[in-house]
Amino acid sequence: MKRAHQLAWIFLACALSSCLHDLQVDRRIPYARPEGHQLRLNVYQAEKRPPEPLPAIVAIHGGAWLHGPRVQQWWYIHEFARRGYVVFAVDYRTLPRHGFPHCLHDVKSAVRWVRLHADEYGVDPERIYAFGASAGGHLAAFLATTDPLDGFEGDENLGASSEIGAAISLYGAVDLTKYRDASRLNIVEIFQRWYIWHFVKNSGCPEGEDPFVYASPISYARPSSKPIFFVHGKSDFLVQLEQSVDAHARLQELGVPTELVLFDNRGHGFDYIFRAERRRLFAQMLRFLETHGGALADTKLSPRATALPDVDEVCNE
């Protein structure tokens, strides 16, 4: 059994290596050490790239702020790198030891690290974007809605801005008050409310304020917020559909550019399973980023870049 397990890991490593022969990958690079906790990132970029600086994406994994490897969204990470982006897949501090806002401090410090090392990796420091799913979508949206006056910058990699150009939030938990106010108290919702409470309870929320509001990125939305692209499956029972729908509507009210893509009969993490829908969704993501200063959507730095459908075919809204 042990030998079979080892052979399985060898096979997986070989398969992944064969997928990356067109990419340059730098792994486990230290980017911050808050309170002695070492945080690392991976960098992905095409082997053959133009001489001019490229836009960057900070990729933030999900996993309920509890677990998740930095390469969790591996398909997107690789495809973004093949299509004109330098991708930085990052760690952040997690539960049970670290709740909110430590994770937000960390991804902000990661953005600053990218900006401070832009020349080293051939990045345009004025074109940095955030991408995340689930808990990572929560943090990506936070990068888009907050500024230094909100007090979430942390103490690492100071001397550069944590500003981004736009964010992509896949089924992100962008409004935690939805867990506090769940209308049906079945066993799943009771657990979710308890879990989110443990995430936010030691957040340093000012006295008299609601920690569920304090730890929700949509609470900080303002006319100067950055554009956000929301994605959600209509059958998601882990992160309520209304989180993306209502956040999208709020940004529209404020005049912030935003897009919302909904998928019928799809649940949380549907894009891991439905590959055709993922390709169509990715085409729209590329168009969204292009609109906000990213790489041209038809850029291909690698012959292995996935063939994409026409963006007009994309999905149900």
C-alpha atoms as a PDB file:
ATOM      1  CA  MET A   1       0.000   0.000   0.000  1.00  0.00           C
ATOM      2  CA  LYS A   2       2.812   2.375   0.882  1.00  0.00           C
ATOM      3  CA  ARG A   3       4.576   1.665  -2.411  1.00  0.00           C
ATOM      4  CA  ALA A   4       1.362   2.226  -4.361  1.00  0.00           C
ATOM      5  CA  HIS A   5       0.922   5.568  -2.585  1.00  0.00           C
ATOM      6  CA  GLN A   6       4.470   6.597  -3.504  1.00  0.00           C
ATOM      7  CA  LEU A   7       3.958   5.576  -7.132  1.00  0.00           C
ATOM      8  CA  ALA A   8       0.756   7.617  -7.265  1.00  0.00           C
ATOM      9  CA  TRP A   9       2.592  10.717  -6.073  1.00  0.00           C
ATOM     10  CA  ILE A  10       5.402  10.117  -8.602  1.00  0.00           C
ATOM     11  CA  PHE A  11       2.836   9.781 -11.401  1.00  0.00           C
ATOM     12  CA  LEU A  12       1.075  12.998 -10.319  1.00  0.00           C
ATOM     13  CA  ALA A  13       4.363  14.920 -10.128  1.00  0.00           C
ATOM     14  CA  CYS A  14       5.331  13.754 -13.606  1.00  0.00           C
ATOM     15  CA  ALA A  15       1.926  14.680 -15.002  1.00  0.00           C
ATOM     16  CA  LEU A  16       2.107  18.181 -13.528  1.00  0.00           C
ATOM     17  CA  SER A  17       5.681  18.656 -14.753  1.00  0.00           C
ATOM     18  CA  SER A  18       4.640  17.733 -18.283  1.00  0.00           C
ATOM     19  CA  CYS A  19       1.909  20.384 -18.112  1.00  0.00           C
ATOM     20  CA  LEU A  20       4.377  23.093 -17.121  1.00  0.00           C
ATOM     21  CA  HIS A  21       7.174  22.687 -19.649  1.00  0.00           C
ATOM     22  CA  ASP A  22       6.070  25.938 -21.311  1.00  0.00           C
ATOM     23  CA  LEU A  23       6.060  27.883 -18.017  1.00  0.00           C
ATOM     24  CA  GLN A  24       8.767  29.180 -15.753  1.00  0.00           C
ATOM     25  CA  VAL A  25       7.806  28.422 -12.146  1.00  0.00           C
ATOM     26  CA  ASP A  26       9.554  29.709  -9.018  1.00  0.00           C
ATOM     27  CA  ARG A  27       8.207  27.996  -5.904  1.00  0.00           C
ATOM     28  CA  ARG A  28       8.142  28.645  -2.166  1.00  0.00           C
ATOM     29  CA  ILE A  29       9.491  32.191  -2.275  1.00  0.00           C
ATOM     30  CA  PRO A  30       9.254  33.874   1.156  1.00  0.00           C
ATOM     31  CA  TYR A  31       7.277  37.096   0.939  1.00  0.00           C
ATOM     32  CA  ALA A  32       6.423  37.979   4.557  1.00  0.00           C
ATOM     33  CA  ARG A  33       6.974  36.795   8.110  1.00  0.00           C
ATOM     34  CA  PRO A  34       4.228  38.298  10.291  1.00  0.00           C
ATOM     35  CA  GLU A  35       4.698  37.430  13.961  1.00  0.00           C
ATOM     36  CA  GLY A  36       7.279  34.827  12.947  1.00  0.00           C
ATOM     37  CA  HIS A  37       4.870  32.967  10.636  1.00  0.00           C
ATOM     38  CA  GLN A  38       6.649  32.394   7.300  1.00  0.00           C
ATOM     39  CA  LEU A  39       4.463  33.045   4.254  1.00  0.00           C
ATOM     40  CA  ARG A  40       5.446  31.992   0.748  1.00  0.00           C
ATOM     41  CA  LEU A  41       4.318  32.357  -2.832  1.00  0.00           C
ATOM     42  CA  ASN A  42       4.823  30.712  -6.213  1.00  0.00           C
ATOM     43  CA  VAL A  43       5.474  32.681  -9.398  1.00  0.00           C
ATOM     44  CA  TYR A  44       4.237  31.473 -12.802  1.00  0.00           C
ATOM     45  CA  GLN A  45       5.131  33.052 -16.124  1.00  0.00           C
ATOM     46  CA  ALA A  46       5.475  31.961 -19.732  1.00  0.00           C
ATOM     47  CA  GLU A  47       8.924  30.817 -20.848  1.00  0.00           C
ATOM     48  CA  LYS A  48       8.640  32.932 -23.986  1.00  0.00           C
ATOM     49  CA  ARG A  49       7.445  36.401 -23.105  1.00  0.00           C
ATOM     50  CA  PRO A  50       7.669  39.887 -24.628  1.00  0.00           C
ATOM     51  CA  PRO A  51      10.286  42.376 -23.390  1.00  0.00           C
ATOM     52  CA  GLU A  52       7.741  44.853 -22.030  1.00  0.00           C
ATOM     53  CA  PRO A  53       6.408  44.473 -18.468  1.00  0.00           C
ATOM     54  CA  LEU A  54       3.325  42.279 -18.064  1.00  0.00           C
ATOM     55  CA  PRO A  55       0.311  42.657 -15.794  1.00  0.00           C
ATOM     56  CA  ALA A  56       0.261  40.542 -12.636  1.00  0.00           C
ATOM     57  CA  ILE A  57      -2.359  38.485 -10.853  1.00  0.00           C
ATOM     58  CA  VAL A  58      -2.275  37.720  -7.132  1.00  0.00           C
ATOM     59  CA  ALA A  59      -4.076  34.360  -6.837  1.00  0.00           C
ATOM     60  CA  ILE A  60      -5.673  33.673  -3.439  1.00  0.00           C
ATOM     61  CA  HIS A  61      -6.767  30.158  -2.531  1.00  0.00           C
ATOM     62  CA  GLY A  62     -10.028  29.215  -0.831  1.00  0.00           C
ATOM     63  CA  GLY A  63     -10.649  26.681   1.902  1.00  0.00           C
ATOM     64  CA  ALA A  64     -12.831  28.450   4.495  1.00  0.00           C
ATOM     65  CA  TRP A  65      -9.828  30.501   5.722  1.00  0.00           C
ATOM     66  CA  LEU A  66      -8.691  27.182   7.260  1.00  0.00           C
ATOM     67  CA  HIS A  67      -6.706  25.253   4.683  1.00  0.00           C
ATOM     68  CA  GLY A  68      -5.839  25.108   1.006  1.00  0.00           C
ATOM     69  CA  PRO A  69      -2.586  24.949  -0.969  1.00  0.00           C
ATOM     70  CA  ARG A  70      -1.486  28.051  -2.793  1.00  0.00           C
ATOM     71  CA  VAL A  71      -1.853  26.117  -6.091  1.00  0.00           C
ATOM     72  CA  GLN A  72      -5.511  25.294  -5.443  1.00  0.00           C
ATOM     73  CA  GLN A  73      -6.740  27.143  -8.562  1.00  0.00           C
ATOM     74  CA  TRP A  74      -3.998  25.500 -10.631  1.00  0.00           C
ATOM     75  CA  TRP A  75      -5.895  25.547 -13.952  1.00  0.00           C
ATOM     76  CA  TYR A  76      -6.537  29.296 -13.799  1.00  0.00           C
ATOM     77  CA  ILE A  77      -3.005  29.978 -12.551  1.00  0.00           C
ATOM     78  CA  HIS A  78      -1.451  28.189 -15.514  1.00  0.00           C
ATOM     79  CA  GLU A  79      -3.835  29.654 -18.080  1.00  0.00           C
ATOM     80  CA  PHE A  80      -3.396  33.223 -16.864  1.00  0.00           C
ATOM     81  CA  ALA A  81       0.386  32.762 -17.136  1.00  0.00           C
ATOM     82  CA  ARG A  82       0.008  31.453 -20.694  1.00  0.00           C
ATOM     83  CA  ARG A  83      -2.163  34.423 -21.645  1.00  0.00           C
ATOM     84  CA  GLY A  84      -0.020  37.383 -20.717  1.00  0.00           C
ATOM     85  CA  TYR A  85       0.064  37.567 -16.914  1.00  0.00           C
ATOM     86  CA  VAL A  86       2.702  36.926 -14.272  1.00  0.00           C
ATOM     87  CA  VAL A  87       0.829  35.002 -11.585  1.00  0.00           C
ATOM     88  CA  PHE A  88       1.699  35.048  -7.882  1.00  0.00           C
ATOM     89  CA  ALA A  89      -0.082  32.283  -5.930  1.00  0.00           C
ATOM     90  CA  VAL A  90       0.135  33.206  -2.256  1.00  0.00           C
ATOM     91  CA  ASP A  91      -0.176  31.787   1.249  1.00  0.00           C
ATOM     92  CA  TYR A  92      -1.906  33.599   4.088  1.00  0.00           C
ATOM     93  CA  ARG A  93      -2.454  32.929   7.780  1.00  0.00           C
ATOM     94  CA  THR A  94      -5.409  30.673   8.532  1.00  0.00           C
ATOM     95  CA  LEU A  95      -7.727  29.358  11.194  1.00  0.00           C
ATOM     96  CA  PRO A  96      -7.862  28.072  13.861  1.00  0.00           C
ATOM     97  CA  ARG A  97      -4.997  30.231  15.117  1.00  0.00           C
ATOM     98  CA  HIS A  98      -5.499  33.217  12.836  1.00  0.00           C
ATOM     99  CA  GLY A  99      -8.909  34.663  12.044  1.00  0.00           C
ATOM    100  CA  PHE A 100      -9.838  37.974  10.472  1.00  0.00           C
ATOM    101  CA  PRO A 101      -8.094  40.352   9.714  1.00  0.00           C
ATOM    102  CA  HIS A 102      -4.724  38.508   9.642  1.00  0.00           C
ATOM    103  CA  CYS A 103      -5.523  36.902   6.285  1.00  0.00           C
ATOM    104  CA  LEU A 104      -6.339  40.319   4.812  1.00  0.00           C
ATOM    105  CA  HIS A 105      -3.130  41.837   6.192  1.00  0.00           C
ATOM    106  CA  ASP A 106      -1.239  39.025   4.450  1.00  0.00           C
ATOM    107  CA  VAL A 107      -2.748  39.360   0.977  1.00  0.00           C
ATOM    108  CA  LYS A 108      -2.252  43.122   1.122  1.00  0.00           C
ATOM    109  CA  SER A 109       1.394  42.545   2.005  1.00  0.00           C
ATOM    110  CA  ALA A 110       1.595  40.109  -0.934  1.00  0.00           C
ATOM    111  CA  VAL A 111       0.377  42.815  -3.333  1.00  0.00           C
ATOM    112  CA  ARG A 112       2.995  45.182  -1.936  1.00  0.00           C
ATOM    113  CA  TRP A 113       5.684  42.497  -2.313  1.00  0.00           C
ATOM    114  CA  VAL A 114       4.753  42.072  -5.991  1.00  0.00           C
ATOM    115  CA  ARG A 115       4.962  45.826  -6.497  1.00  0.00           C
ATOM    116  CA  LEU A 116       8.336  46.024  -4.696  1.00  0.00           C
ATOM    117  CA  HIS A 117       9.697  43.169  -6.866  1.00  0.00           C
ATOM    118  CA  ALA A 118       8.067  44.255 -10.124  1.00  0.00           C
ATOM    119  CA  ASP A 119      11.341  44.848 -11.971  1.00  0.00           C
ATOM    120  CA  GLU A 120      12.689  41.456 -10.917  1.00  0.00           C
ATOM    121  CA  TYR A 121       9.727  39.594 -12.415  1.00  0.00           C
ATOM    122  CA  GLY A 122       8.976  41.863 -15.347  1.00  0.00           C
ATOM    123  CA  VAL A 123       5.706  43.130 -13.903  1.00  0.00           C
ATOM    124  CA  ASP A 124       3.976  46.413 -14.614  1.00  0.00           C
ATOM    125  CA  PRO A 125       3.395  47.737 -11.059  1.00  0.00           C
ATOM    126  CA  GLU A 126       0.391  49.750 -12.243  1.00  0.00           C
ATOM    127  CA  ARG A 127      -1.429  46.629 -13.448  1.00  0.00           C
ATOM    128  CA  ILE A 128      -1.849  44.229 -10.540  1.00  0.00           C
ATOM    129  CA  TYR A 129      -5.111  42.294 -10.172  1.00  0.00           C
ATOM    130  CA  ALA A 130      -6.581  39.895  -7.608  1.00  0.00           C
ATOM    131  CA  PHE A 131      -8.223  36.532  -8.231  1.00  0.00           C
ATOM    132  CA  GLY A 132      -9.749  34.271  -5.599  1.00  0.00           C
ATOM    133  CA  ALA A 133     -12.384  31.618  -4.974  1.00  0.00           C
ATOM    134  CA  SER A 134     -14.633  31.193  -1.928  1.00  0.00           C
ATOM    135  CA  ALA A 135     -12.561  32.455   1.036  1.00  0.00           C
ATOM    136  CA  GLY A 136     -10.080  33.684  -1.567  1.00  0.00           C
ATOM    137  CA  GLY A 137     -12.924  35.557  -3.275  1.00  0.00           C
ATOM    138  CA  HIS A 138     -13.665  37.249   0.058  1.00  0.00           C
ATOM    139  CA  LEU A 139     -10.056  38.449   0.242  1.00  0.00           C
ATOM    140  CA  ALA A 140      -9.847  39.438  -3.437  1.00  0.00           C
ATOM    141  CA  ALA A 141     -12.977  41.566  -2.994  1.00  0.00           C
ATOM    142  CA  PHE A 142     -11.474  43.123   0.135  1.00  0.00           C
ATOM    143  CA  LEU A 143      -8.453  44.207  -1.901  1.00  0.00           C
ATOM    144  CA  ALA A 144     -10.836  45.928  -4.312  1.00  0.00           C
ATOM    145  CA  THR A 145     -13.000  47.722  -1.736  1.00  0.00           C
ATOM    146  CA  THR A 146     -10.569  48.908   0.949  1.00  0.00           C
ATOM    147  CA  ASP A 147      -7.878  51.569   1.100  1.00  0.00           C
ATOM    148  CA  PRO A 148      -5.213  52.378   3.737  1.00  0.00           C
ATOM    149  CA  LEU A 149      -7.601  54.540   5.759  1.00  0.00           C
ATOM    150  CA  ASP A 150      -9.643  51.425   6.574  1.00  0.00           C
ATOM    151  CA  GLY A 151      -6.792  50.170   8.752  1.00  0.00           C
ATOM    152  CA  PHE A 152      -6.178  46.714   7.249  1.00  0.00           C
ATOM    153  CA  GLU A 153      -2.682  47.179   5.827  1.00  0.00           C
ATOM    154  CA  GLY A 154      -0.695  45.214   8.422  1.00  0.00           C
ATOM    155  CA  ASP A 155       3.024  45.694   9.053  1.00  0.00           C
ATOM    156  CA  GLU A 156       4.774  43.706   6.287  1.00  0.00           C
ATOM    157  CA  ASN A 157       6.400  44.977   3.079  1.00  0.00           C
ATOM    158  CA  LEU A 158       5.640  48.595   3.837  1.00  0.00           C
ATOM    159  CA  GLY A 159       6.807  51.216   1.380  1.00  0.00           C
ATOM    160  CA  ALA A 160       4.521  50.270  -1.513  1.00  0.00           C
ATOM    161  CA  SER A 161       0.806  50.433  -2.222  1.00  0.00           C
ATOM    162  CA  SER A 162      -1.577  47.484  -1.839  1.00  0.00           C
ATOM    163  CA  GLU A 163      -3.884  48.939  -4.503  1.00  0.00           C
ATOM    164  CA  ILE A 164      -5.102  46.646  -7.272  1.00  0.00           C
ATOM    165  CA  GLY A 165      -6.693  47.365 -10.630  1.00  0.00           C
ATOM    166  CA  ALA A 166      -9.651  44.975 -10.348  1.00  0.00           C
ATOM    167  CA  ALA A 167     -10.707  41.727  -8.665  1.00  0.00           C
ATOM    168  CA  ILE A 168     -12.331  38.442  -9.626  1.00  0.00           C
ATOM    169  CA  SER A 169     -14.412  36.751  -6.922  1.00  0.00           C
ATOM    170  CA  LEU A 170     -15.537  33.185  -7.636  1.00  0.00           C
ATOM    171  CA  TYR A 171     -18.425  32.311  -5.282  1.00  0.00           C
ATOM    172  CA  GLY A 172     -16.748  34.534  -2.697  1.00  0.00           C
ATOM    173  CA  ALA A 173     -18.077  35.116   0.815  1.00  0.00           C
ATOM    174  CA  VAL A 174     -18.334  38.867   0.306  1.00  0.00           C
ATOM    175  CA  ASP A 175     -21.131  39.600   2.814  1.00  0.00           C
ATOM    176  CA  LEU A 176     -20.786  37.645   6.061  1.00  0.00           C
ATOM    177  CA  THR A 177     -23.989  39.152   7.477  1.00  0.00           C
ATOM    178  CA  LYS A 178     -25.837  36.601   5.324  1.00  0.00           C
ATOM    179  CA  TYR A 179     -24.641  33.917   7.741  1.00  0.00           C
ATOM    180  CA  ARG A 180     -25.684  35.948  10.774  1.00  0.00           C
ATOM    181  CA  ASP A 181     -29.141  36.567   9.316  1.00  0.00           C
ATOM    182  CA  ALA A 182     -29.871  33.120   7.828  1.00  0.00           C
ATOM    183  CA  SER A 183     -33.652  32.765   7.592  1.00  0.00           C
ATOM    184  CA  ARG A 184     -33.710  28.992   8.125  1.00  0.00           C
ATOM    185  CA  LEU A 185     -31.849  27.617  11.100  1.00  0.00           C
ATOM    186  CA  ASN A 186     -31.176  24.096   9.834  1.00  0.00           C
ATOM    187  CA  ILE A 187     -28.097  22.239  11.007  1.00  0.00           C
ATOM    188  CA  VAL A 188     -25.954  23.480   8.101  1.00  0.00           C
ATOM    189  CA  GLU A 189     -26.810  27.147   8.697  1.00  0.00           C
ATOM    190  CA  ILE A 190     -26.319  26.803  12.464  1.00  0.00           C
ATOM    191  CA  PHE A 191     -22.840  25.419  11.866  1.00  0.00           C
ATOM    192  CA  GLN A 192     -22.052  28.096   9.264  1.00  0.00           C
ATOM    193  CA  ARG A 193     -23.069  30.896  11.617  1.00  0.00           C
ATOM    194  CA  TRP A 194     -21.002  29.385  14.439  1.00  0.00           C
ATOM    195  CA  TYR A 195     -18.011  28.977  12.122  1.00  0.00           C
ATOM    196  CA  ILE A 196     -18.135  32.525  10.754  1.00  0.00           C
ATOM    197  CA  TRP A 197     -18.500  33.853  14.291  1.00  0.00           C
ATOM    198  CA  HIS A 198     -15.225  32.160  15.220  1.00  0.00           C
ATOM    199  CA  PHE A 199     -13.608  33.704  12.130  1.00  0.00           C
ATOM    200  CA  VAL A 200     -14.675  37.255  13.042  1.00  0.00           C
ATOM    201  CA  LYS A 201     -14.982  37.315  16.840  1.00  0.00           C
ATOM    202  CA  ASN A 202     -11.386  38.406  17.550  1.00  0.00           C
ATOM    203  CA  SER A 203     -11.163  40.774  14.599  1.00  0.00           C
ATOM    204  CA  GLY A 204     -10.527  43.913  16.624  1.00  0.00           C
ATOM    205  CA  CYS A 205     -13.885  45.266  15.529  1.00  0.00           C
ATOM    206  CA  PRO A 206     -14.447  48.689  17.135  1.00  0.00           C
ATOM    207  CA  GLU A 207     -16.672  48.590  20.194  1.00  0.00           C
ATOM    208  CA  GLY A 208     -20.326  48.852  19.319  1.00  0.00           C
ATOM    209  CA  GLU A 209     -19.866  47.691  15.736  1.00  0.00           C
ATOM    210  CA  ASP A 210     -20.976  44.355  14.279  1.00  0.00           C
ATOM    211  CA  PRO A 211     -18.026  42.022  13.549  1.00  0.00           C
ATOM    212  CA  PHE A 212     -19.973  40.355  10.713  1.00  0.00           C
ATOM    213  CA  VAL A 213     -20.208  43.748   9.019  1.00  0.00           C
ATOM    214  CA  TYR A 214     -16.624  44.644   9.914  1.00  0.00           C
ATOM    215  CA  ALA A 215     -15.257  41.499   8.221  1.00  0.00           C
ATOM    216  CA  SER A 216     -17.345  41.833   5.024  1.00  0.00           C
ATOM    217  CA  PRO A 217     -15.687  43.439   1.996  1.00  0.00           C
ATOM    218  CA  ILE A 218     -18.946  44.856   0.682  1.00  0.00           C
ATOM    219  CA  SER A 219     -19.184  46.992   3.846  1.00  0.00           C
ATOM    220  CA  TYR A 220     -16.309  49.105   2.516  1.00  0.00           C
ATOM    221  CA  ALA A 221     -17.625  49.633  -0.999  1.00  0.00           C
ATOM    222  CA  ARG A 222     -17.514  53.257  -2.149  1.00  0.00           C
ATOM    223  CA  PRO A 223     -17.427  55.065  -5.495  1.00  0.00           C
ATOM    224  CA  SER A 224     -13.621  54.778  -5.551  1.00  0.00           C
ATOM    225  CA  SER A 225     -13.680  50.977  -5.132  1.00  0.00           C
ATOM    226  CA  LYS A 226     -12.088  48.897  -7.870  1.00  0.00           C
ATOM    227  CA  PRO A 227     -14.088  46.857 -10.383  1.00  0.00           C
ATOM    228  CA  ILE A 228     -15.159  43.373  -9.295  1.00  0.00           C
ATOM    229  CA  PHE A 229     -16.200  40.416 -11.440  1.00  0.00           C
ATOM    230  CA  PHE A 230     -18.563  38.132  -9.487  1.00  0.00           C
ATOM    231  CA  VAL A 231     -19.252  34.475 -10.309  1.00  0.00           C
ATOM    232  CA  HIS A 232     -21.777  32.256  -8.544  1.00  0.00           C
ATOM    233  CA  GLY A 233     -23.669  29.011  -8.988  1.00  0.00           C
ATOM    234  CA  LYS A 234     -27.385  29.340  -8.282  1.00  0.00           C
ATOM    235  CA  SER A 235     -27.382  26.094  -6.267  1.00  0.00           C
ATOM    236  CA  ASP A 236     -24.515  27.031  -3.940  1.00  0.00           C
ATOM    237  CA  PHE A 237     -25.392  26.055  -0.336  1.00  0.00           C
ATOM    238  CA  LEU A 238     -22.018  26.957   1.203  1.00  0.00           C
ATOM    239  CA  VAL A 239     -21.885  30.606   0.129  1.00  0.00           C
ATOM    240  CA  GLN A 240     -25.330  32.066  -0.463  1.00  0.00           C
ATOM    241  CA  LEU A 241     -26.062  33.229  -3.991  1.00  0.00           C
ATOM    242  CA  GLU A 242     -27.333  36.523  -2.558  1.00  0.00           C
ATOM    243  CA  GLN A 243     -23.826  37.435  -1.406  1.00  0.00           C
ATOM    244  CA  SER A 244     -22.660  38.004  -4.981  1.00  0.00           C
ATOM    245  CA  VAL A 245     -26.019  39.253  -6.278  1.00  0.00           C
ATOM    246  CA  ASP A 246     -26.433  41.906  -3.583  1.00  0.00           C
ATOM    247  CA  ALA A 247     -22.776  42.973  -3.678  1.00  0.00           C
ATOM    248  CA  HIS A 248     -22.979  43.389  -7.446  1.00  0.00           C
ATOM    249  CA  ALA A 249     -26.101  45.535  -7.032  1.00  0.00           C
ATOM    250  CA  ARG A 250     -24.420  47.653  -4.370  1.00  0.00           C
ATOM    251  CA  LEU A 251     -21.430  48.383  -6.622  1.00  0.00           C
ATOM    252  CA  GLN A 252     -23.793  49.311  -9.434  1.00  0.00           C
ATOM    253  CA  GLU A 253     -25.530  51.801  -7.123  1.00  0.00           C
ATOM    254  CA  LEU A 254     -22.147  53.358  -6.353  1.00  0.00           C
ATOM    255  CA  GLY A 255     -21.157  53.571 -10.010  1.00  0.00           C
ATOM    256  CA  VAL A 256     -18.338  51.024  -9.674  1.00  0.00           C
ATOM    257  CA  PRO A 257     -17.788  48.879 -12.790  1.00  0.00           C
ATOM    258  CA  THR A 258     -18.898  45.330 -12.019  1.00  0.00           C
ATOM    259  CA  GLU A 259     -20.047  42.161 -13.740  1.00  0.00           C
ATOM    260  CA  LEU A 260     -22.058  39.225 -12.417  1.00  0.00           C
ATOM    261  CA  VAL A 261     -22.116  35.776 -14.029  1.00  0.00           C
ATOM    262  CA  LEU A 262     -24.556  33.187 -12.663  1.00  0.00           C
ATOM    263  CA  PHE A 263     -24.750  29.492 -13.495  1.00  0.00           C
ATOM    264  CA  ASP A 264     -27.989  27.527 -13.326  1.00  0.00           C
ATOM    265  CA  ASN A 265     -27.991  24.266 -11.343  1.00  0.00           C
ATOM    266  CA  ARG A 266     -24.396  24.690 -10.204  1.00  0.00           C
ATOM    267  CA  GLY A 267     -23.045  24.574  -6.687  1.00  0.00           C
ATOM    268  CA  HIS A 268     -19.920  25.663  -4.858  1.00  0.00           C
ATOM    269  CA  GLY A 269     -16.717  24.960  -6.788  1.00  0.00           C
ATOM    270  CA  PHE A 270     -18.612  23.888  -9.923  1.00  0.00           C
ATOM    271  CA  ASP A 271     -15.742  24.990 -12.146  1.00  0.00           C
ATOM    272  CA  TYR A 272     -13.543  22.183 -10.828  1.00  0.00           C
ATOM    273  CA  ILE A 273     -15.935  19.676 -12.424  1.00  0.00           C
ATOM    274  CA  PHE A 274     -17.532  21.338 -15.442  1.00  0.00           C
ATOM    275  CA  ARG A 275     -14.565  22.072 -17.653  1.00  0.00           C
ATOM    276  CA  ALA A 276     -16.467  23.424 -20.653  1.00  0.00           C
ATOM    277  CA  GLU A 277     -18.213  25.980 -18.452  1.00  0.00           C
ATOM    278  CA  ARG A 278     -14.879  26.853 -16.883  1.00  0.00           C
ATOM    279  CA  ARG A 279     -13.386  27.629 -20.300  1.00  0.00           C
ATOM    280  CA  ARG A 280     -16.343  29.841 -21.209  1.00  0.00           C
ATOM    281  CA  LEU A 281     -16.111  31.580 -17.849  1.00  0.00           C
ATOM    282  CA  PHE A 282     -12.374  32.126 -18.271  1.00  0.00           C
ATOM    283  CA  ALA A 283     -12.974  33.825 -21.623  1.00  0.00           C
ATOM    284  CA  GLN A 284     -15.213  36.355 -19.901  1.00  0.00           C
ATOM    285  CA  MET A 285     -12.689  36.870 -17.107  1.00  0.00           C
ATOM    286  CA  LEU A 286     -10.050  37.734 -19.698  1.00  0.00           C
ATOM    287  CA  ARG A 287     -12.393  40.252 -21.354  1.00  0.00           C
ATOM    288  CA  PHE A 288     -13.166  41.827 -17.977  1.00  0.00           C
ATOM    289  CA  LEU A 289      -9.474  42.216 -17.106  1.00  0.00           C
ATOM    290  CA  GLU A 290      -8.703  43.612 -20.557  1.00  0.00           C
ATOM    291  CA  THR A 291     -11.419  46.237 -20.066  1.00  0.00           C
ATOM    292  CA  HIS A 292      -9.678  47.331 -16.867  1.00  0.00           C
ATOM    293  CA  GLY A 293      -6.130  47.498 -18.191  1.00  0.00           C
ATOM    294  CA  GLY A 294      -5.126  43.834 -18.240  1.00  0.00           C
ATOM    295  CA  ALA A 295      -3.607  41.844 -21.082  1.00  0.00           C
ATOM    296  CA  LEU A 296      -5.479  41.690 -24.368  1.00  0.00           C
ATOM    297  CA  ALA A 297      -7.936  38.834 -24.091  1.00  0.00           C
ATOM    298  CA  ASP A 298      -6.596  37.137 -27.223  1.00  0.00           C
ATOM    299  CA  THR A 299      -2.969  37.195 -25.995  1.00  0.00           C
ATOM    300  CA  LYS A 300      -1.258  33.807 -26.197  1.00  0.00           C
ATOM    301  CA  LEU A 301       2.299  33.542 -24.884  1.00  0.00           C
ATOM    302  CA  SER A 302       2.219  29.757 -25.131  1.00  0.00           C
ATOM    303  CA  PRO A 303       0.965  27.300 -27.756  1.00  0.00           C
ATOM    304  CA  ARG A 304      -0.512  25.331 -24.853  1.00  0.00           C
ATOM    305  CA  ALA A 305      -2.949  28.112 -23.967  1.00  0.00           C
ATOM    306  CA  THR A 306      -6.476  26.735 -23.864  1.00  0.00           C
ATOM    307  CA  ALA A 307      -8.635  27.392 -26.894  1.00  0.00           C
ATOM    308  CA  LEU A 308     -11.457  29.649 -25.734  1.00  0.00           C
ATOM    309  CA  PRO A 309     -14.997  30.030 -27.070  1.00  0.00           C
ATOM    310  CA  ASP A 310     -16.380  33.325 -28.245  1.00  0.00           C
ATOM    311  CA  VAL A 311     -17.123  35.458 -25.189  1.00  0.00           C
ATOM    312  CA  ASP A 312     -20.689  36.111 -26.340  1.00  0.00           C
ATOM    313  CA  GLU A 313     -21.477  32.446 -25.709  1.00  0.00           C
ATOM    314  CA  VAL A 314     -20.500  32.617 -22.082  1.00  0.00           C
ATOM    315  CA  CYS A 315     -23.126  31.878 -19.471  1.00  0.00           C
ATOM    316  CA  ASN A 316     -26.438  32.517 -17.842  1.00  0.00           C
ATOM    317  CA  GLU A 317     -26.911  35.783 -16.007  1.00  0.00           C
END
